[in-house]
Amino acid sequence: MKTTPRLGLKGYLLLTAIWILWPGAASAVENVDLKLVLATDVSGSISNAELRIERQGTAAAFVDPDVIKSIENGALGRIAVTMLDFSSPGFGKTVIDWRIIHDRESAIALARAIVAVPRTPGNRTSISNAIELGAALIESSEKEIVATRKVIDVAGDGPNNDGKPVRPILQKVMAQGIVVNGLPIMDPTANGFFLDLDKYYQACVAGGRGSFVIAVRSFRDFGSAMRRKLILEISQNEGNPKLVKAPGAVQRIALAPLDQNPTLLRPGRNEFSNDCNMRDAP
């Protein structure tokens, strides 16, 4: 009768080492303080020049010393960031895959990627689609990236005028523990100016624990608004730190920020349609 030979301690350790080192045997999980989706409106009302200011302002915000300090001072000292462009359903596209930001070097690398992203073709504005796509990015990465806080940041110059109604999508995403914050752009000199967009974002876009809206009153203020938004989301601190201009060519903004203290707004009462769809809006 044959007996199965015993591996012994050395054999067991050898098999364990092979299992650990074997490609695909085990995948590392990245633990971060925050998973953040940046959703950028690229509908027809956003000009190339305006989008460029948005990209540069976002890049500038990430390399700002106070933003980097907020990241490094987190419990884990790292966050995960991805970016998507949105307009009408079917046009949404992930333009930057998940990146782990943990220090100045990784923040600079992200900033360079942001300013290098080409424009995604767009048509009308589907905020509901942006929120859906953002939630899908968060959920599909759960096996690789784990965070206690998950946020979708929507930046745009108009209300939802295409695709699904916003409110049901927002409610579904909030039930998944995802927070949605907003940066409504309300530049009266721009082609896509929409009166009371800040109230619309308060009523229809922002949702979840601690959610907020920061209204951008001019495209030139986008960088300072994004900077404050990131500090609030990363540190969960609603103070108003002094604006610091970050050095370096990659993060320069086309126009210097004028509004150094953008107003923080909380979700508010819905004075729009029940489902927040405004199909007649430009």
Protein backbone atom coordinates (compact mmCIF):
# COMPACT_ATOMS: atom_id res chain seq x y z
CA MET A 1 0.00 0.00 0.00
CA LYS A 2 1.43 3.32 -1.06
CA THR A 3 1.46 6.22 1.36
CA THR A 4 1.46 9.91 0.48
CA PRO A 5 4.80 11.43 1.44
CA ARG A 6 4.72 14.24 3.94
CA LEU A 7 5.94 17.61 2.76
CA GLY A 8 7.57 18.60 5.96
CA LEU A 9 8.16 22.19 7.04
CA LYS A 10 10.58 22.98 4.19
CA GLY A 11 8.20 21.62 1.58
CA TYR A 12 5.29 23.58 3.03
CA LEU A 13 7.28 26.80 3.04
CA LEU A 14 8.39 26.17 -0.54
CA LEU A 15 4.81 25.66 -1.76
CA THR A 16 3.69 28.76 0.11
CA ALA A 17 6.42 30.82 -1.54
CA ILE A 18 5.47 29.49 -4.98
CA TRP A 19 1.81 30.35 -4.36
CA ILE A 20 2.65 33.89 -3.27
CA LEU A 21 4.99 34.53 -6.19
CA TRP A 22 2.89 32.81 -8.84
CA PRO A 23 1.48 35.42 -11.29
CA GLY A 24 -2.18 36.01 -10.56
CA ALA A 25 -2.18 33.81 -7.46
CA ALA A 26 -2.96 36.77 -5.23
CA SER A 27 -3.69 40.36 -6.12
CA ALA A 28 -2.70 43.20 -3.80
CA VAL A 29 -5.50 45.39 -2.47
CA GLU A 30 -4.80 49.11 -2.24
CA ASN A 31 -6.29 50.73 0.86
CA VAL A 32 -6.87 54.48 0.60
CA ASP A 33 -8.62 57.20 2.56
CA LEU A 34 -10.78 58.33 -0.37
CA LYS A 35 -11.87 57.14 -3.80
CA LEU A 36 -12.63 60.21 -5.89
CA VAL A 37 -14.23 60.40 -9.34
CA LEU A 38 -13.86 63.70 -11.19
CA ALA A 39 -16.70 64.07 -13.73
CA THR A 40 -16.17 66.91 -16.24
CA ASP A 41 -18.90 68.35 -18.46
CA VAL A 42 -17.78 68.40 -22.12
CA SER A 43 -21.17 69.27 -23.63
CA GLY A 44 -21.48 71.70 -26.54
CA SER A 45 -21.84 74.72 -24.26
CA ILE A 46 -18.27 74.26 -22.97
CA SER A 47 -15.77 75.85 -25.34
CA ASN A 48 -12.27 74.47 -25.85
CA ALA A 49 -10.80 77.48 -24.04
CA GLU A 50 -13.14 76.98 -21.07
CA LEU A 51 -12.34 73.27 -20.87
CA ARG A 52 -8.64 74.08 -20.98
CA ILE A 53 -9.04 76.40 -17.99
CA GLU A 54 -10.89 73.64 -16.15
CA ARG A 55 -8.16 71.09 -16.88
CA GLN A 56 -5.42 73.50 -15.84
CA GLY A 57 -7.31 74.56 -12.72
CA THR A 58 -7.81 70.94 -11.67
CA ALA A 59 -4.12 70.18 -12.25
CA ALA A 60 -3.13 73.26 -10.24
CA ALA A 61 -5.36 72.20 -7.35
CA PHE A 62 -3.78 68.75 -7.07
CA VAL A 63 -0.22 70.10 -6.84
CA ASP A 64 -1.18 72.80 -4.35
CA PRO A 65 0.89 72.31 -1.15
CA ASP A 66 -2.19 72.39 1.09
CA VAL A 67 -3.95 69.74 -1.00
CA ILE A 68 -0.89 67.49 -0.91
CA LYS A 69 -0.61 68.05 2.84
CA SER A 70 -4.27 67.07 3.26
CA ILE A 71 -3.58 63.82 1.40
CA GLU A 72 -0.44 63.02 3.40
CA ASN A 73 -2.16 63.80 6.72
CA GLY A 74 -4.95 61.27 6.14
CA ALA A 75 -5.15 58.09 8.19
CA LEU A 76 -3.52 56.13 5.35
CA GLY A 77 -1.91 59.10 3.58
CA ARG A 78 -3.18 58.16 0.13
CA ILE A 79 -6.21 58.67 -2.08
CA ALA A 80 -7.36 57.15 -5.40
CA VAL A 81 -8.46 59.43 -8.25
CA THR A 82 -10.02 58.80 -11.65
CA MET A 83 -11.47 61.22 -14.22
CA LEU A 84 -14.28 60.95 -16.76
CA ASP A 85 -15.76 63.29 -19.37
CA PHE A 86 -19.54 63.36 -19.75
CA SER A 87 -22.20 64.89 -21.98
CA SER A 88 -25.05 62.89 -23.58
CA PRO A 89 -25.47 59.18 -22.76
CA GLY A 90 -23.13 57.15 -24.92
CA PHE A 91 -20.48 59.89 -24.99
CA GLY A 92 -19.19 59.40 -21.44
CA LYS A 93 -15.60 58.24 -21.29
CA THR A 94 -12.99 57.48 -18.63
CA VAL A 95 -10.06 59.71 -19.57
CA ILE A 96 -7.76 58.91 -16.63
CA ASP A 97 -7.81 55.50 -14.95
CA TRP A 98 -7.44 55.08 -11.20
CA ARG A 99 -4.25 56.56 -9.82
CA ILE A 100 -2.96 56.44 -6.24
CA ILE A 101 -1.88 59.88 -5.00
CA HIS A 102 0.26 59.87 -1.86
CA ASP A 103 2.92 62.57 -2.24
CA ARG A 104 4.05 65.51 -4.35
CA GLU A 105 5.56 63.35 -7.10
CA SER A 106 2.39 61.31 -7.63
CA ALA A 107 0.31 64.51 -7.55
CA ILE A 108 2.51 66.11 -10.22
CA ALA A 109 2.20 63.00 -12.39
CA LEU A 110 -1.59 63.22 -12.12
CA ALA A 111 -1.53 66.95 -12.93
CA ARG A 112 0.50 66.31 -16.07
CA ALA A 113 -1.95 63.62 -17.15
CA ILE A 114 -4.92 65.96 -16.60
CA VAL A 115 -3.56 68.80 -18.75
CA ALA A 116 -2.62 66.31 -21.47
CA VAL A 117 -6.11 64.77 -21.77
CA PRO A 118 -7.67 65.57 -25.16
CA ARG A 119 -11.29 66.67 -25.36
CA THR A 120 -13.94 63.96 -25.56
CA PRO A 121 -16.67 64.64 -28.14
CA GLY A 122 -19.90 65.81 -26.53
CA ASN A 123 -23.42 66.98 -27.21
CA ARG A 124 -25.97 67.72 -24.48
CA THR A 125 -25.72 67.35 -20.68
CA SER A 126 -26.59 64.16 -18.80
CA ILE A 127 -25.61 64.56 -15.17
CA SER A 128 -27.48 61.35 -14.40
CA ASN A 129 -25.16 59.49 -16.78
CA ALA A 130 -22.11 61.10 -15.17
CA ILE A 131 -23.24 59.88 -11.75
CA GLU A 132 -24.00 56.40 -13.09
CA LEU A 133 -20.61 56.14 -14.78
CA GLY A 134 -18.84 57.42 -11.67
CA ALA A 135 -20.59 54.89 -9.45
CA ALA A 136 -19.69 52.10 -11.88
CA LEU A 137 -16.02 53.10 -11.74
CA ILE A 138 -16.08 53.02 -7.95
CA GLU A 139 -17.89 49.68 -7.71
CA SER A 140 -15.87 47.91 -10.42
CA SER A 141 -12.62 48.75 -8.62
CA GLU A 142 -13.68 47.49 -5.19
CA LYS A 143 -11.52 44.37 -5.41
CA GLU A 144 -8.41 46.41 -6.14
CA ILE A 145 -9.00 49.67 -4.23
CA VAL A 146 -10.76 49.91 -0.88
CA ALA A 147 -11.79 53.15 0.80
CA THR A 148 -14.09 54.17 3.63
CA ARG A 149 -15.19 57.29 1.71
CA LYS A 150 -16.31 57.38 -1.93
CA VAL A 151 -17.06 60.63 -3.74
CA ILE A 152 -18.19 61.67 -7.22
CA ASP A 153 -17.50 65.29 -8.09
CA VAL A 154 -19.63 66.73 -10.91
CA ALA A 155 -18.46 69.94 -12.60
CA GLY A 156 -20.60 71.51 -15.33
CA ASP A 157 -22.33 74.61 -16.65
CA GLY A 158 -25.89 73.35 -17.07
CA PRO A 159 -28.69 71.16 -15.68
CA ASN A 160 -29.58 67.63 -16.73
CA ASN A 161 -31.21 67.97 -20.18
CA ASP A 162 -30.62 64.50 -21.62
CA GLY A 163 -30.77 60.88 -20.53
CA LYS A 164 -32.37 59.53 -17.36
CA PRO A 165 -33.85 61.73 -14.62
CA VAL A 166 -31.27 62.74 -12.02
CA ARG A 167 -33.06 62.13 -8.72
CA PRO A 168 -33.63 58.35 -9.01
CA ILE A 169 -30.01 57.83 -10.03
CA LEU A 170 -28.77 60.02 -7.18
CA GLN A 171 -30.90 58.14 -4.64
CA LYS A 172 -29.55 54.80 -5.89
CA VAL A 173 -25.95 55.96 -5.68
CA MET A 174 -26.44 57.45 -2.20
CA ALA A 175 -27.79 54.07 -1.05
CA GLN A 176 -24.42 52.60 -2.07
CA GLY A 177 -22.67 54.94 0.35
CA ILE A 178 -21.36 57.22 -2.39
CA VAL A 179 -21.36 61.00 -1.89
CA VAL A 180 -21.95 63.38 -4.81
CA ASN A 181 -20.56 66.93 -4.65
CA GLY A 182 -20.92 69.66 -7.25
CA LEU A 183 -19.04 72.50 -8.91
CA PRO A 184 -21.67 74.40 -10.93
CA ILE A 185 -20.04 76.88 -13.31
CA MET A 186 -22.02 80.11 -13.51
CA ASP A 187 -20.04 82.51 -15.69
CA PRO A 188 -22.44 85.18 -17.06
CA THR A 189 -20.06 85.89 -19.95
CA ALA A 190 -20.03 82.23 -21.09
CA ASN A 191 -22.24 80.69 -23.74
CA GLY A 192 -23.78 78.14 -21.37
CA PHE A 193 -24.76 80.47 -18.52
CA PHE A 194 -27.74 79.08 -16.58
CA LEU A 195 -29.33 81.25 -13.90
CA ASP A 196 -29.75 79.55 -10.49
CA LEU A 197 -27.51 76.62 -11.46
CA ASP A 198 -26.15 76.69 -7.90
CA LYS A 199 -29.68 76.10 -6.54
CA TYR A 200 -30.20 73.36 -9.12
CA TYR A 201 -27.03 71.58 -7.99
CA GLN A 202 -28.10 71.98 -4.35
CA ALA A 203 -31.51 70.45 -5.05
CA CYS A 204 -30.74 67.88 -7.73
CA VAL A 205 -27.04 66.95 -7.85
CA ALA A 206 -25.46 67.01 -4.39
CA GLY A 207 -26.31 64.14 -2.08
CA GLY A 208 -24.95 61.90 0.63
CA ARG A 209 -23.39 62.47 4.02
CA GLY A 210 -21.51 65.76 4.18
CA SER A 211 -22.20 66.58 0.52
CA PHE A 212 -21.79 70.15 -0.69
CA VAL A 213 -21.77 72.49 -3.66
CA ILE A 214 -19.22 75.19 -4.47
CA ALA A 215 -20.45 77.63 -7.11
CA VAL A 216 -17.88 78.84 -9.63
CA ARG A 217 -18.90 82.39 -10.60
CA SER A 218 -16.30 82.72 -13.34
CA PHE A 219 -14.20 80.21 -15.28
CA ARG A 220 -11.15 82.00 -13.97
CA ASP A 221 -12.17 80.98 -10.44
CA PHE A 222 -12.35 77.29 -11.27
CA GLY A 223 -8.90 76.46 -9.88
CA SER A 224 -9.51 78.05 -6.48
CA ALA A 225 -12.93 76.40 -6.20
CA MET A 226 -11.47 72.99 -7.08
CA ARG A 227 -8.69 73.52 -4.57
CA ARG A 228 -11.11 74.20 -1.74
CA LYS A 229 -13.32 71.30 -2.79
CA LEU A 230 -10.39 68.86 -2.70
CA ILE A 231 -9.25 70.00 0.74
CA LEU A 232 -12.77 69.59 2.11
CA GLU A 233 -13.21 66.15 0.56
CA ILE A 234 -9.79 64.85 1.52
CA SER A 235 -9.54 66.25 5.05
CA GLN A 236 -13.27 66.62 5.79
CA ASN A 237 -12.32 70.01 7.24
CA GLU A 238 -14.61 72.90 6.40
CA GLY A 239 -12.14 75.56 7.39
CA ASN A 240 -11.01 78.14 4.89
CA PRO A 241 -7.25 77.76 4.52
CA LYS A 242 -5.36 80.57 2.88
CA LEU A 243 -5.02 80.28 -0.87
CA VAL A 244 -1.52 79.16 -1.84
CA LYS A 245 -0.21 79.45 -5.39
CA ALA A 246 1.53 76.23 -6.36
CA PRO A 247 4.80 76.54 -8.32
CA GLY A 248 5.65 74.98 -11.67
CA ALA A 249 4.59 75.26 -15.30
CA VAL A 250 2.31 72.24 -15.35
CA GLN A 251 -0.20 73.75 -12.92
CA ARG A 252 -0.46 77.32 -14.25
CA ILE A 253 -4.00 78.58 -14.79
CA ALA A 254 -4.74 80.72 -17.84
CA LEU A 255 -6.41 83.39 -15.72
CA ALA A 256 -5.48 84.15 -12.12
CA PRO A 257 -8.22 83.21 -9.63
CA LEU A 258 -10.25 86.17 -8.38
CA ASP A 259 -12.59 84.51 -5.90
CA GLN A 260 -10.35 83.18 -3.14
CA ASN A 261 -13.25 82.26 -0.87
CA PRO A 262 -15.86 80.42 -2.97
CA THR A 263 -19.12 79.93 -1.09
CA LEU A 264 -19.89 76.50 0.35
CA LEU A 265 -23.52 75.42 -0.14
CA ARG A 266 -25.36 72.43 1.30
CA PRO A 267 -28.08 70.41 -0.45
CA GLY A 268 -31.29 72.45 -0.57
CA ARG A 269 -34.98 72.36 -1.37
CA ASN A 270 -36.02 71.29 -4.85
CA GLU A 271 -37.73 74.18 -6.64
CA PHE A 272 -37.34 72.50 -10.02
CA SER A 273 -39.20 69.56 -11.58
CA ASN A 274 -39.66 66.47 -9.43
CA ASP A 275 -37.13 64.42 -11.38
CA CYS A 276 -34.82 67.39 -12.02
CA ASN A 277 -34.92 66.84 -15.79
CA MET A 278 -34.87 70.10 -17.75
CA ARG A 279 -34.92 69.01 -21.38
CA ASP A 280 -35.61 72.52 -22.68
CA ALA A 281 -32.44 73.90 -21.09
CA PRO A 282 -29.61 74.78 -23.49
